[in-house]
Amino acid sequence: MSSSSTYRDKVRASHILIKHEGSRRKASWKDPDGHVISNTTRDAAGSQLKSLRHDIVSGNAKFEDVAARYSDCSSAKRGGDLGSFGRGQMQKPFEQATYALKVGEISDIVDTDSGVHIIMRTG
């Protein structure tokens, strides 16, 4: 496999992660002790994410701003940007959702062991 085809197989994405009581790691940069996360149900996390997604797709908020404020991932500091990645580097549901998007599209809610996400493919 040549390096150019490897490069083409990569995608770039940003995401917003909301952790909940079922997340494998119940702590984040904004909740270091995990008090909020441990008391958040998956349904509540999903509802919050649906509402945030609506604000973004309706044009009331920018993805980067929402990620910076609400995401439980440290990528929040970069507006949710995860950079580029190839297959096998992310959890399977996250990878599959990202590769299924067109550049600029935002996913529906994606469940992983980390929590619930919305993903925006950026490249």
PDB file of N, CA and C in Angstrom:
ATOM      1  N   MET A   1       0.844  -1.181   0.000  1.00  0.00           N
ATOM      2  CA  MET A   1       0.000   0.000   0.000  1.00  0.00           C
ATOM      3  C   MET A   1       0.890   1.246   0.000  1.00  0.00           C
ATOM      4  N   SER A   2       0.679   2.123  -0.945  1.00  0.00           N
ATOM      5  CA  SER A   2       1.508   3.331  -1.013  1.00  0.00           C
ATOM      6  C   SER A   2       1.055   4.347   0.023  1.00  0.00           C
ATOM      7  N   SER A   3       1.942   5.273   0.328  1.00  0.00           N
ATOM      8  CA  SER A   3       1.613   6.259   1.368  1.00  0.00           C
ATOM      9  C   SER A   3       0.466   7.165   0.939  1.00  0.00           C
ATOM     10  N   SER A   4       0.309   7.397  -0.379  1.00  0.00           N
ATOM     11  CA  SER A   4      -0.766   8.287  -0.819  1.00  0.00           C
ATOM     12  C   SER A   4      -2.138   7.648  -0.593  1.00  0.00           C
ATOM     13  N   SER A   5      -2.241   6.322  -0.807  1.00  0.00           N
ATOM     14  CA  SER A   5      -3.545   5.692  -0.563  1.00  0.00           C
ATOM     15  C   SER A   5      -3.831   5.630   0.934  1.00  0.00           C
ATOM     16  N   THR A   6      -2.783   5.473   1.746  1.00  0.00           N
ATOM     17  CA  THR A   6      -2.964   5.497   3.194  1.00  0.00           C
ATOM     18  C   THR A   6      -3.500   6.859   3.616  1.00  0.00           C
ATOM     19  N   TYR A   7      -2.931   7.897   3.033  1.00  0.00           N
ATOM     20  CA  TYR A   7      -3.370   9.252   3.363  1.00  0.00           C
ATOM     21  C   TYR A   7      -4.844   9.431   2.997  1.00  0.00           C
ATOM     22  N   ARG A   8      -5.228   8.936   1.828  1.00  0.00           N
ATOM     23  CA  ARG A   8      -6.624   9.102   1.383  1.00  0.00           C
ATOM     24  C   ARG A   8      -7.590   8.352   2.283  1.00  0.00           C
ATOM     25  N   ASP A   9      -7.112   7.294   2.923  1.00  0.00           N
ATOM     26  CA  ASP A   9      -7.984   6.509   3.787  1.00  0.00           C
ATOM     27  C   ASP A   9      -8.254   7.194   5.123  1.00  0.00           C
ATOM     28  N   LYS A  10      -7.542   8.276   5.384  1.00  0.00           N
ATOM     29  CA  LYS A  10      -7.734   8.972   6.655  1.00  0.00           C
ATOM     30  C   LYS A  10      -8.892   9.960   6.568  1.00  0.00           C
ATOM     31  N   VAL A  11      -9.471  10.212   7.715  1.00  0.00           N
ATOM     32  CA  VAL A  11     -10.521  11.217   7.824  1.00  0.00           C
ATOM     33  C   VAL A  11     -10.116  12.195   8.922  1.00  0.00           C
ATOM     34  N   ARG A  12     -10.766  13.332   8.923  1.00  0.00           N
ATOM     35  CA  ARG A  12     -10.548  14.280  10.011  1.00  0.00           C
ATOM     36  C   ARG A  12     -11.919  14.621  10.568  1.00  0.00           C
ATOM     37  N   ALA A  13     -11.999  14.742  11.894  1.00  0.00           N
ATOM     38  CA  ALA A  13     -13.297  14.984  12.506  1.00  0.00           C
ATOM     39  C   ALA A  13     -13.160  15.776  13.797  1.00  0.00           C
ATOM     40  N   SER A  14     -14.267  16.413  14.137  1.00  0.00           N
ATOM     41  CA  SER A  14     -14.432  17.031  15.443  1.00  0.00           C
ATOM     42  C   SER A  14     -15.612  16.337  16.103  1.00  0.00           C
ATOM     43  N   HIS A  15     -15.644  16.364  17.428  1.00  0.00           N
ATOM     44  CA  HIS A  15     -16.795  15.746  18.089  1.00  0.00           C
ATOM     45  C   HIS A  15     -17.133  16.492  19.373  1.00  0.00           C
ATOM     46  N   ILE A  16     -18.328  16.199  19.839  1.00  0.00           N
ATOM     47  CA  ILE A  16     -18.776  16.650  21.154  1.00  0.00           C
ATOM     48  C   ILE A  16     -19.144  15.380  21.901  1.00  0.00           C
ATOM     49  N   LEU A  17     -18.522  15.189  23.057  1.00  0.00           N
ATOM     50  CA  LEU A  17     -18.749  13.997  23.882  1.00  0.00           C
ATOM     51  C   LEU A  17     -19.460  14.407  25.164  1.00  0.00           C
ATOM     52  N   ILE A  18     -20.528  13.711  25.476  1.00  0.00           N
ATOM     53  CA  ILE A  18     -21.177  13.857  26.780  1.00  0.00           C
ATOM     54  C   ILE A  18     -21.045  12.502  27.476  1.00  0.00           C
ATOM     55  N   LYS A  19     -20.352  12.503  28.590  1.00  0.00           N
ATOM     56  CA  LYS A  19     -20.184  11.269  29.359  1.00  0.00           C
ATOM     57  C   LYS A  19     -21.403  11.057  30.264  1.00  0.00           C
ATOM     58  N   HIS A  20     -21.585   9.813  30.697  1.00  0.00           N
ATOM     59  CA  HIS A  20     -22.714   9.468  31.570  1.00  0.00           C
ATOM     60  C   HIS A  20     -22.301   8.323  32.490  1.00  0.00           C
ATOM     61  N   GLU A  21     -23.249   7.896  33.317  1.00  0.00           N
ATOM     62  CA  GLU A  21     -22.945   6.881  34.332  1.00  0.00           C
ATOM     63  C   GLU A  21     -22.423   5.568  33.740  1.00  0.00           C
ATOM     64  N   GLY A  22     -22.699   5.322  32.464  1.00  0.00           N
ATOM     65  CA  GLY A  22     -22.227   4.101  31.813  1.00  0.00           C
ATOM     66  C   GLY A  22     -20.885   4.260  31.128  1.00  0.00           C
ATOM     67  N   SER A  23     -20.326   5.450  31.155  1.00  0.00           N
ATOM     68  CA  SER A  23     -19.038   5.688  30.495  1.00  0.00           C
ATOM     69  C   SER A  23     -17.925   4.939  31.221  1.00  0.00           C
ATOM     70  N   ARG A  24     -16.946   4.469  30.459  1.00  0.00           N
ATOM     71  CA  ARG A  24     -15.882   3.676  31.091  1.00  0.00           C
ATOM     72  C   ARG A  24     -15.008   4.532  32.001  1.00  0.00           C
ATOM     73  N   ARG A  25     -14.888   5.825  31.702  1.00  0.00           N
ATOM     74  CA  ARG A  25     -14.109   6.721  32.564  1.00  0.00           C
ATOM     75  C   ARG A  25     -15.003   7.868  32.985  1.00  0.00           C
ATOM     76  N   LYS A  26     -15.335   7.923  34.260  1.00  0.00           N
ATOM     77  CA  LYS A  26     -16.316   8.905  34.734  1.00  0.00           C
ATOM     78  C   LYS A  26     -15.640  10.165  35.264  1.00  0.00           C
ATOM     79  N   ALA A  27     -14.791  10.756  34.435  1.00  0.00           N
ATOM     80  CA  ALA A  27     -14.146  12.021  34.795  1.00  0.00           C
ATOM     81  C   ALA A  27     -13.831  12.741  33.499  1.00  0.00           C
ATOM     82  N   SER A  28     -13.756  14.050  33.576  1.00  0.00           N
ATOM     83  CA  SER A  28     -13.383  14.831  32.400  1.00  0.00           C
ATOM     84  C   SER A  28     -12.717  16.115  32.851  1.00  0.00           C
ATOM     85  N   TRP A  29     -12.239  16.863  31.881  1.00  0.00           N
ATOM     86  CA  TRP A  29     -11.557  18.120  32.199  1.00  0.00           C
ATOM     87  C   TRP A  29     -12.468  19.080  32.951  1.00  0.00           C
ATOM     88  N   LYS A  30     -13.786  18.996  32.708  1.00  0.00           N
ATOM     89  CA  LYS A  30     -14.676  19.929  33.404  1.00  0.00           C
ATOM     90  C   LYS A  30     -15.367  19.301  34.611  1.00  0.00           C
ATOM     91  N   ASP A  31     -15.194  18.015  34.783  1.00  0.00           N
ATOM     92  CA  ASP A  31     -15.773  17.296  35.928  1.00  0.00           C
ATOM     93  C   ASP A  31     -14.725  16.299  36.439  1.00  0.00           C
ATOM     94  N   PRO A  32     -13.589  16.820  36.971  1.00  0.00           N
ATOM     95  CA  PRO A  32     -12.461  15.937  37.310  1.00  0.00           C
ATOM     96  C   PRO A  32     -12.783  14.860  38.339  1.00  0.00           C
ATOM     97  N   ASP A  33     -13.740  15.117  39.218  1.00  0.00           N
ATOM     98  CA  ASP A  33     -14.118  14.106  40.213  1.00  0.00           C
ATOM     99  C   ASP A  33     -15.260  13.221  39.745  1.00  0.00           C
ATOM    100  N   GLY A  34     -15.850  13.560  38.612  1.00  0.00           N
ATOM    101  CA  GLY A  34     -16.899  12.732  38.038  1.00  0.00           C
ATOM    102  C   GLY A  34     -18.241  12.798  38.740  1.00  0.00           C
ATOM    103  N   HIS A  35     -18.472  13.838  39.558  1.00  0.00           N
ATOM    104  CA  HIS A  35     -19.755  13.933  40.273  1.00  0.00           C
ATOM    105  C   HIS A  35     -20.939  14.061  39.318  1.00  0.00           C
ATOM    106  N   VAL A  36     -20.820  14.966  38.361  1.00  0.00           N
ATOM    107  CA  VAL A  36     -21.917  15.183  37.409  1.00  0.00           C
ATOM    108  C   VAL A  36     -22.080  13.962  36.513  1.00  0.00           C
ATOM    109  N   ILE A  37     -20.969  13.469  35.986  1.00  0.00           N
ATOM    110  CA  ILE A  37     -21.014  12.329  35.065  1.00  0.00           C
ATOM    111  C   ILE A  37     -21.649  11.107  35.735  1.00  0.00           C
ATOM    112  N   SER A  38     -21.272  10.828  36.972  1.00  0.00           N
ATOM    113  CA  SER A  38     -21.802   9.655  37.671  1.00  0.00           C
ATOM    114  C   SER A  38     -23.298   9.750  37.939  1.00  0.00           C
ATOM    115  N   ASN A  39     -23.830  10.968  37.905  1.00  0.00           N
ATOM    116  CA  ASN A  39     -25.262  11.174  38.142  1.00  0.00           C
ATOM    117  C   ASN A  39     -26.041  11.499  36.875  1.00  0.00           C
ATOM    118  N   THR A  40     -25.409  11.302  35.718  1.00  0.00           N
ATOM    119  CA  THR A  40     -26.065  11.571  34.440  1.00  0.00           C
ATOM    120  C   THR A  40     -26.429  10.246  33.787  1.00  0.00           C
ATOM    121  N   THR A  41     -27.709  10.062  33.479  1.00  0.00           N
ATOM    122  CA  THR A  41     -28.118   8.836  32.790  1.00  0.00           C
ATOM    123  C   THR A  41     -27.767   8.950  31.311  1.00  0.00           C
ATOM    124  N   ARG A  42     -27.742   7.830  30.635  1.00  0.00           N
ATOM    125  CA  ARG A  42     -27.491   7.820  29.193  1.00  0.00           C
ATOM    126  C   ARG A  42     -28.589   8.624  28.491  1.00  0.00           C
ATOM    127  N   ASP A  43     -29.831   8.481  28.940  1.00  0.00           N
ATOM    128  CA  ASP A  43     -30.940   9.219  28.322  1.00  0.00           C
ATOM    129  C   ASP A  43     -30.776  10.725  28.477  1.00  0.00           C
ATOM    130  N   ALA A  44     -30.350  11.151  29.669  1.00  0.00           N
ATOM    131  CA  ALA A  44     -30.149  12.582  29.908  1.00  0.00           C
ATOM    132  C   ALA A  44     -29.008  13.108  29.045  1.00  0.00           C
ATOM    133  N   ALA A  45     -27.938  12.341  28.928  1.00  0.00           N
ATOM    134  CA  ALA A  45     -26.810  12.742  28.091  1.00  0.00           C
ATOM    135  C   ALA A  45     -27.252  12.843  26.629  1.00  0.00           C
ATOM    136  N   GLY A  46     -28.036  11.864  26.191  1.00  0.00           N
ATOM    137  CA  GLY A  46     -28.537  11.865  24.818  1.00  0.00           C
ATOM    138  C   GLY A  46     -29.452  13.040  24.544  1.00  0.00           C
ATOM    139  N   SER A  47     -30.305  13.354  25.507  1.00  0.00           N
ATOM    140  CA  SER A  47     -31.224  14.502  25.351  1.00  0.00           C
ATOM    141  C   SER A  47     -30.449  15.807  25.256  1.00  0.00           C
ATOM    142  N   GLN A  48     -29.435  15.952  26.098  1.00  0.00           N
ATOM    143  CA  GLN A  48     -28.622  17.165  26.057  1.00  0.00           C
ATOM    144  C   GLN A  48     -27.923  17.282  24.702  1.00  0.00           C
ATOM    145  N   LEU A  49     -27.390  16.180  24.229  1.00  0.00           N
ATOM    146  CA  LEU A  49     -26.683  16.184  22.951  1.00  0.00           C
ATOM    147  C   LEU A  49     -27.630  16.484  21.786  1.00  0.00           C
ATOM    148  N   LYS A  50     -28.847  15.932  21.833  1.00  0.00           N
ATOM    149  CA  LYS A  50     -29.838  16.216  20.788  1.00  0.00           C
ATOM    150  C   LYS A  50     -30.141  17.707  20.723  1.00  0.00           C
ATOM    151  N   SER A  51     -30.283  18.304  21.884  1.00  0.00           N
ATOM    152  CA  SER A  51     -30.565  19.731  21.965  1.00  0.00           C
ATOM    153  C   SER A  51     -29.388  20.552  21.417  1.00  0.00           C
ATOM    154  N   LEU A  52     -28.171  20.168  21.783  1.00  0.00           N
ATOM    155  CA  LEU A  52     -26.983  20.871  21.281  1.00  0.00           C
ATOM    156  C   LEU A  52     -26.874  20.718  19.762  1.00  0.00           C
ATOM    157  N   ARG A  53     -27.148  19.510  19.271  1.00  0.00           N
ATOM    158  CA  ARG A  53     -27.087  19.247  17.833  1.00  0.00           C
ATOM    159  C   ARG A  53     -28.099  20.126  17.104  1.00  0.00           C
ATOM    160  N   HIS A  54     -29.295  20.249  17.666  1.00  0.00           N
ATOM    161  CA  HIS A  54     -30.335  21.077  17.059  1.00  0.00           C
ATOM    162  C   HIS A  54     -29.866  22.529  16.950  1.00  0.00           C
ATOM    163  N   ASP A  55     -29.243  23.035  18.016  1.00  0.00           N
ATOM    164  CA  ASP A  55     -28.737  24.410  17.999  1.00  0.00           C
ATOM    165  C   ASP A  55     -27.707  24.604  16.885  1.00  0.00           C
ATOM    166  N   ILE A  56     -26.888  23.593  16.652  1.00  0.00           N
ATOM    167  CA  ILE A  56     -25.848  23.692  15.629  1.00  0.00           C
ATOM    168  C   ILE A  56     -26.453  23.634  14.230  1.00  0.00           C
ATOM    169  N   VAL A  57     -27.277  22.617  13.972  1.00  0.00           N
ATOM    170  CA  VAL A  57     -27.800  22.452  12.611  1.00  0.00           C
ATOM    171  C   VAL A  57     -28.797  23.549  12.240  1.00  0.00           C
ATOM    172  N   SER A  58     -29.425  24.171  13.239  1.00  0.00           N
ATOM    173  CA  SER A  58     -30.352  25.266  12.949  1.00  0.00           C
ATOM    174  C   SER A  58     -29.626  26.600  12.773  1.00  0.00           C
ATOM    175  N   GLY A  59     -28.301  26.585  13.002  1.00  0.00           N
ATOM    176  CA  GLY A  59     -27.523  27.801  12.812  1.00  0.00           C
ATOM    177  C   GLY A  59     -27.474  28.720  14.017  1.00  0.00           C
ATOM    178  N   ASN A  60     -28.037  28.285  15.142  1.00  0.00           N
ATOM    179  CA  ASN A  60     -28.030  29.117  16.354  1.00  0.00           C
ATOM    180  C   ASN A  60     -26.714  29.060  17.113  1.00  0.00           C
ATOM    181  N   ALA A  61     -25.885  28.080  16.804  1.00  0.00           N
ATOM    182  CA  ALA A  61     -24.602  27.933  17.508  1.00  0.00           C
ATOM    183  C   ALA A  61     -23.592  27.297  16.564  1.00  0.00           C
ATOM    184  N   LYS A  62     -22.325  27.577  16.801  1.00  0.00           N
ATOM    185  CA  LYS A  62     -21.245  26.976  16.010  1.00  0.00           C
ATOM    186  C   LYS A  62     -20.764  25.708  16.704  1.00  0.00           C
ATOM    187  N   PHE A  63     -20.484  24.682  15.919  1.00  0.00           N
ATOM    188  CA  PHE A  63     -20.020  23.406  16.455  1.00  0.00           C
ATOM    189  C   PHE A  63     -18.847  23.617  17.410  1.00  0.00           C
ATOM    190  N   GLU A  64     -17.853  24.411  16.974  1.00  0.00           N
ATOM    191  CA  GLU A  64     -16.632  24.620  17.761  1.00  0.00           C
ATOM    192  C   GLU A  64     -16.952  25.240  19.123  1.00  0.00           C
ATOM    193  N   ASP A  65     -17.883  26.201  19.128  1.00  0.00           N
ATOM    194  CA  ASP A  65     -18.234  26.887  20.375  1.00  0.00           C
ATOM    195  C   ASP A  65     -18.947  25.946  21.340  1.00  0.00           C
ATOM    196  N   VAL A  66     -19.852  25.139  20.787  1.00  0.00           N
ATOM    197  CA  VAL A  66     -20.594  24.181  21.619  1.00  0.00           C
ATOM    198  C   VAL A  66     -19.628  23.135  22.189  1.00  0.00           C
ATOM    199  N   ALA A  67     -18.713  22.651  21.350  1.00  0.00           N
ATOM    200  CA  ALA A  67     -17.727  21.673  21.807  1.00  0.00           C
ATOM    201  C   ALA A  67     -16.875  22.260  22.929  1.00  0.00           C
ATOM    202  N   ALA A  68     -16.416  23.486  22.735  1.00  0.00           N
ATOM    203  CA  ALA A  68     -15.544  24.123  23.730  1.00  0.00           C
ATOM    204  C   ALA A  68     -16.243  24.258  25.075  1.00  0.00           C
ATOM    205  N   ARG A  69     -17.544  24.461  25.038  1.00  0.00           N
ATOM    206  CA  ARG A  69     -18.283  24.692  26.274  1.00  0.00           C
ATOM    207  C   ARG A  69     -18.805  23.414  26.930  1.00  0.00           C
ATOM    208  N   TYR A  70     -19.245  22.462  26.122  1.00  0.00           N
ATOM    209  CA  TYR A  70     -19.982  21.318  26.675  1.00  0.00           C
ATOM    210  C   TYR A  70     -19.283  19.962  26.583  1.00  0.00           C
ATOM    211  N   SER A  71     -18.330  19.795  25.674  1.00  0.00           N
ATOM    212  CA  SER A  71     -17.770  18.464  25.471  1.00  0.00           C
ATOM    213  C   SER A  71     -16.961  18.006  26.680  1.00  0.00           C
ATOM    214  N   ASP A  72     -17.114  16.722  27.032  1.00  0.00           N
ATOM    215  CA  ASP A  72     -16.345  16.122  28.124  1.00  0.00           C
ATOM    216  C   ASP A  72     -14.992  15.618  27.649  1.00  0.00           C
ATOM    217  N   CYS A  73     -14.657  15.800  26.389  1.00  0.00           N
ATOM    218  CA  CYS A  73     -13.364  15.377  25.864  1.00  0.00           C
ATOM    219  C   CYS A  73     -12.392  16.557  25.926  1.00  0.00           C
ATOM    220  N   SER A  74     -11.124  16.252  26.173  1.00  0.00           N
ATOM    221  CA  SER A  74     -10.130  17.334  26.228  1.00  0.00           C
ATOM    222  C   SER A  74      -9.985  18.040  24.877  1.00  0.00           C
ATOM    223  N   SER A  75     -10.490  17.424  23.802  1.00  0.00           N
ATOM    224  CA  SER A  75     -10.480  18.089  22.493  1.00  0.00           C
ATOM    225  C   SER A  75     -11.348  19.343  22.491  1.00  0.00           C
ATOM    226  N   ALA A  76     -12.155  19.529  23.543  1.00  0.00           N
ATOM    227  CA  ALA A  76     -12.975  20.740  23.676  1.00  0.00           C
ATOM    228  C   ALA A  76     -12.110  21.989  23.554  1.00  0.00           C
ATOM    229  N   LYS A  77     -10.888  21.887  24.057  1.00  0.00           N
ATOM    230  CA  LYS A  77      -9.969  23.041  24.018  1.00  0.00           C
ATOM    231  C   LYS A  77      -9.597  23.415  22.586  1.00  0.00           C
ATOM    232  N   ARG A  78      -9.820  22.487  21.647  1.00  0.00           N
ATOM    233  CA  ARG A  78      -9.559  22.746  20.227  1.00  0.00           C
ATOM    234  C   ARG A  78     -10.872  22.791  19.442  1.00  0.00           C
ATOM    235  N   GLY A  79     -11.952  23.128  20.102  1.00  0.00           N
ATOM    236  CA  GLY A  79     -13.252  23.176  19.428  1.00  0.00           C
ATOM    237  C   GLY A  79     -13.746  21.809  19.008  1.00  0.00           C
ATOM    238  N   GLY A  80     -13.246  20.772  19.691  1.00  0.00           N
ATOM    239  CA  GLY A  80     -13.680  19.405  19.400  1.00  0.00           C
ATOM    240  C   GLY A  80     -12.831  18.688  18.372  1.00  0.00           C
ATOM    241  N   ASP A  81     -11.826  19.376  17.820  1.00  0.00           N
ATOM    242  CA  ASP A  81     -11.015  18.797  16.745  1.00  0.00           C
ATOM    243  C   ASP A  81     -10.167  17.623  17.239  1.00  0.00           C
ATOM    244  N   LEU A  82     -10.340  16.471  16.583  1.00  0.00           N
ATOM    245  CA  LEU A  82      -9.564  15.274  16.910  1.00  0.00           C
ATOM    246  C   LEU A  82      -8.401  15.077  15.949  1.00  0.00           C
ATOM    247  N   GLY A  83      -8.306  15.921  14.939  1.00  0.00           N
ATOM    248  CA  GLY A  83      -7.271  15.729  13.934  1.00  0.00           C
ATOM    249  C   GLY A  83      -7.637  14.599  12.987  1.00  0.00           C
ATOM    250  N   SER A  84      -6.638  14.116  12.261  1.00  0.00           N
ATOM    251  CA  SER A  84      -6.858  13.047  11.280  1.00  0.00           C
ATOM    252  C   SER A  84      -6.626  11.685  11.922  1.00  0.00           C
ATOM    253  N   PHE A  85      -7.365  10.703  11.442  1.00  0.00           N
ATOM    254  CA  PHE A  85      -7.155   9.337  11.910  1.00  0.00           C
ATOM    255  C   PHE A  85      -7.568   8.358  10.829  1.00  0.00           C
ATOM    256  N   GLY A  86      -7.014   7.171  10.928  1.00  0.00           N
ATOM    257  CA  GLY A  86      -7.332   6.113   9.982  1.00  0.00           C
ATOM    258  C   GLY A  86      -8.171   5.037  10.640  1.00  0.00           C
ATOM    259  N   ARG A  87      -8.467   4.026   9.874  1.00  0.00           N
ATOM    260  CA  ARG A  87      -9.262   2.914  10.404  1.00  0.00           C
ATOM    261  C   ARG A  87      -8.487   2.189  11.493  1.00  0.00           C
ATOM    262  N   GLY A  88      -9.217   1.755  12.517  1.00  0.00           N
ATOM    263  CA  GLY A  88      -8.597   1.000  13.600  1.00  0.00           C
ATOM    264  C   GLY A  88      -8.051   1.853  14.727  1.00  0.00           C
ATOM    265  N   GLN A  89      -8.186   3.185  14.612  1.00  0.00           N
ATOM    266  CA  GLN A  89      -7.636   4.065  15.648  1.00  0.00           C
ATOM    267  C   GLN A  89      -8.685   4.524  16.664  1.00  0.00           C
ATOM    268  N   MET A  90      -9.933   4.475  16.296  1.00  0.00           N
ATOM    269  CA  MET A  90     -11.020   4.912  17.172  1.00  0.00           C
ATOM    270  C   MET A  90     -11.912   3.716  17.488  1.00  0.00           C
ATOM    271  N   GLN A  91     -12.790   3.896  18.477  1.00  0.00           N
ATOM    272  CA  GLN A  91     -13.755   2.836  18.755  1.00  0.00           C
ATOM    273  C   GLN A  91     -14.618   2.633  17.509  1.00  0.00           C
ATOM    274  N   LYS A  92     -14.990   1.384  17.266  1.00  0.00           N
ATOM    275  CA  LYS A  92     -15.650   1.001  16.011  1.00  0.00           C
ATOM    276  C   LYS A  92     -16.886   1.855  15.684  1.00  0.00           C
ATOM    277  N   PRO A  93     -17.817   2.068  16.607  1.00  0.00           N
ATOM    278  CA  PRO A  93     -18.997   2.861  16.243  1.00  0.00           C
ATOM    279  C   PRO A  93     -18.623   4.288  15.814  1.00  0.00           C
ATOM    280  N   PHE A  94     -17.613   4.853  16.474  1.00  0.00           N
ATOM    281  CA  PHE A  94     -17.158   6.203  16.158  1.00  0.00           C
ATOM    282  C   PHE A  94     -16.544   6.228  14.762  1.00  0.00           C
ATOM    283  N   GLU A  95     -15.697   5.250  14.492  1.00  0.00           N
ATOM    284  CA  GLU A  95     -15.058   5.142  13.175  1.00  0.00           C
ATOM    285  C   GLU A  95     -16.101   4.987  12.077  1.00  0.00           C
ATOM    286  N   GLN A  96     -17.031   4.063  12.264  1.00  0.00           N
ATOM    287  CA  GLN A  96     -18.035   3.800  11.229  1.00  0.00           C
ATOM    288  C   GLN A  96     -18.877   5.042  10.949  1.00  0.00           C
ATOM    289  N   ALA A  97     -19.270   5.755  12.000  1.00  0.00           N
ATOM    290  CA  ALA A  97     -20.086   6.958  11.825  1.00  0.00           C
ATOM    291  C   ALA A  97     -19.309   8.037  11.079  1.00  0.00           C
ATOM    292  N   THR A  98     -18.035   8.204  11.434  1.00  0.00           N
ATOM    293  CA  THR A  98     -17.222   9.239  10.800  1.00  0.00           C
ATOM    294  C   THR A  98     -17.022   8.959   9.318  1.00  0.00           C
ATOM    295  N   TYR A  99     -16.671   7.731   8.983  1.00  0.00           N
ATOM    296  CA  TYR A  99     -16.437   7.381   7.579  1.00  0.00           C
ATOM    297  C   TYR A  99     -17.721   7.464   6.750  1.00  0.00           C
ATOM    298  N   ALA A 100     -18.880   7.328   7.386  1.00  0.00           N
ATOM    299  CA  ALA A 100     -20.155   7.389   6.659  1.00  0.00           C
ATOM    300  C   ALA A 100     -20.583   8.825   6.342  1.00  0.00           C
ATOM    301  N   LEU A 101     -19.978   9.796   7.030  1.00  0.00           N
ATOM    302  CA  LEU A 101     -20.344  11.197   6.811  1.00  0.00           C
ATOM    303  C   LEU A 101     -19.614  11.778   5.611  1.00  0.00           C
ATOM    304  N   LYS A 102     -20.242  12.784   4.992  1.00  0.00           N
ATOM    305  CA  LYS A 102     -19.543  13.609   4.015  1.00  0.00           C
ATOM    306  C   LYS A 102     -18.908  14.766   4.780  1.00  0.00           C
ATOM    307  N   VAL A 103     -17.881  15.362   4.213  1.00  0.00           N
ATOM    308  CA  VAL A 103     -17.228  16.500   4.856  1.00  0.00           C
ATOM    309  C   VAL A 103     -18.266  17.596   5.107  1.00  0.00           C
ATOM    310  N   GLY A 104     -18.292  18.092   6.344  1.00  0.00           N
ATOM    311  CA  GLY A 104     -19.250  19.133   6.720  1.00  0.00           C
ATOM    312  C   GLY A 104     -20.523  18.604   7.348  1.00  0.00           C
ATOM    313  N   GLU A 105     -20.773  17.299   7.231  1.00  0.00           N
ATOM    314  CA  GLU A 105     -21.977  16.705   7.816  1.00  0.00           C
ATOM    315  C   GLU A 105     -21.776  16.411   9.297  1.00  0.00           C
ATOM    316  N   ILE A 106     -22.892  16.426  10.021  1.00  0.00           N
ATOM    317  CA  ILE A 106     -22.884  16.120  11.456  1.00  0.00           C
ATOM    318  C   ILE A 106     -23.699  14.859  11.683  1.00  0.00           C
ATOM    319  N   SER A 107     -23.143  13.953  12.454  1.00  0.00           N
ATOM    320  CA  SER A 107     -23.803  12.669  12.707  1.00  0.00           C
ATOM    321  C   SER A 107     -24.995  12.823  13.646  1.00  0.00           C
ATOM    322  N   ASP A 108     -25.804  11.775  13.676  1.00  0.00           N
ATOM    323  CA  ASP A 108     -26.764  11.618  14.760  1.00  0.00           C
ATOM    324  C   ASP A 108     -25.946  11.174  15.977  1.00  0.00           C
ATOM    325  N   ILE A 109     -26.624  10.893  17.061  1.00  0.00           N
ATOM    326  CA  ILE A 109     -25.925  10.483  18.274  1.00  0.00           C
ATOM    327  C   ILE A 109     -25.272   9.111  18.075  1.00  0.00           C
ATOM    328  N   VAL A 110     -24.016   9.029  18.485  1.00  0.00           N
ATOM    329  CA  VAL A 110     -23.234   7.796  18.369  1.00  0.00           C
ATOM    330  C   VAL A 110     -22.841   7.365  19.780  1.00  0.00           C
ATOM    331  N   ASP A 111     -23.153   6.114  20.120  1.00  0.00           N
ATOM    332  CA  ASP A 111     -22.796   5.562  21.432  1.00  0.00           C
ATOM    333  C   ASP A 111     -21.472   4.830  21.350  1.00  0.00           C
ATOM    334  N   THR A 112     -20.570   5.115  22.302  1.00  0.00           N
ATOM    335  CA  THR A 112     -19.347   4.322  22.450  1.00  0.00           C
ATOM    336  C   THR A 112     -19.152   4.056  23.943  1.00  0.00           C
ATOM    337  N   ASP A 113     -18.093   3.341  24.280  1.00  0.00           N
ATOM    338  CA  ASP A 113     -17.777   3.090  25.689  1.00  0.00           C
ATOM    339  C   ASP A 113     -17.450   4.384  26.422  1.00  0.00           C
ATOM    340  N   SER A 114     -17.086   5.424  25.678  1.00  0.00           N
ATOM    341  CA  SER A 114     -16.729   6.707  26.298  1.00  0.00           C
ATOM    342  C   SER A 114     -17.958   7.526  26.680  1.00  0.00           C
ATOM    343  N   GLY A 115     -19.050   7.352  25.963  1.00  0.00           N
ATOM    344  CA  GLY A 115     -20.262   8.141  26.207  1.00  0.00           C
ATOM    345  C   GLY A 115     -21.021   8.324  24.902  1.00  0.00           C
ATOM    346  N   VAL A 116     -21.747   9.434  24.805  1.00  0.00           N
ATOM    347  CA  VAL A 116     -22.482   9.722  23.579  1.00  0.00           C
ATOM    348  C   VAL A 116     -21.807  10.896  22.871  1.00  0.00           C
ATOM    349  N   HIS A 117     -21.773  10.811  21.544  1.00  0.00           N
ATOM    350  CA  HIS A 117     -21.077  11.804  20.729  1.00  0.00           C
ATOM    351  C   HIS A 117     -21.973  12.297  19.609  1.00  0.00           C
ATOM    352  N   ILE A 118     -21.687  13.497  19.123  1.00  0.00           N
ATOM    353  CA  ILE A 118     -22.035  13.882  17.767  1.00  0.00           C
ATOM    354  C   ILE A 118     -20.707  14.212  17.100  1.00  0.00           C
ATOM    355  N   ILE A 119     -20.620  13.844  15.844  1.00  0.00           N
ATOM    356  CA  ILE A 119     -19.359  13.945  15.102  1.00  0.00           C
ATOM    357  C   ILE A 119     -19.580  14.831  13.887  1.00  0.00           C
ATOM    358  N   MET A 120     -18.649  15.717  13.621  1.00  0.00           N
ATOM    359  CA  MET A 120     -18.657  16.490  12.397  1.00  0.00           C
ATOM    360  C   MET A 120     -17.398  16.107  11.619  1.00  0.00           C
ATOM    361  N   ARG A 121     -17.607  15.601  10.410  1.00  0.00           N
ATOM    362  CA  ARG A 121     -16.445  15.260   9.575  1.00  0.00           C
ATOM    363  C   ARG A 121     -15.913  16.548   8.967  1.00  0.00           C
ATOM    364  N   THR A 122     -14.635  16.778   9.122  1.00  0.00           N
ATOM    365  CA  THR A 122     -14.034  18.023   8.648  1.00  0.00           C
ATOM    366  C   THR A 122     -13.031  17.783   7.516  1.00  0.00           C
ATOM    367  N   GLY A 123     -12.726  16.527   7.232  1.00  0.00           N
ATOM    368  CA  GLY A 123     -11.784  16.262   6.145  1.00  0.00           C
ATOM    369  C   GLY A 123     -11.704  14.789   5.834  1.00  0.00           C
TER     370      GLY A 123
END
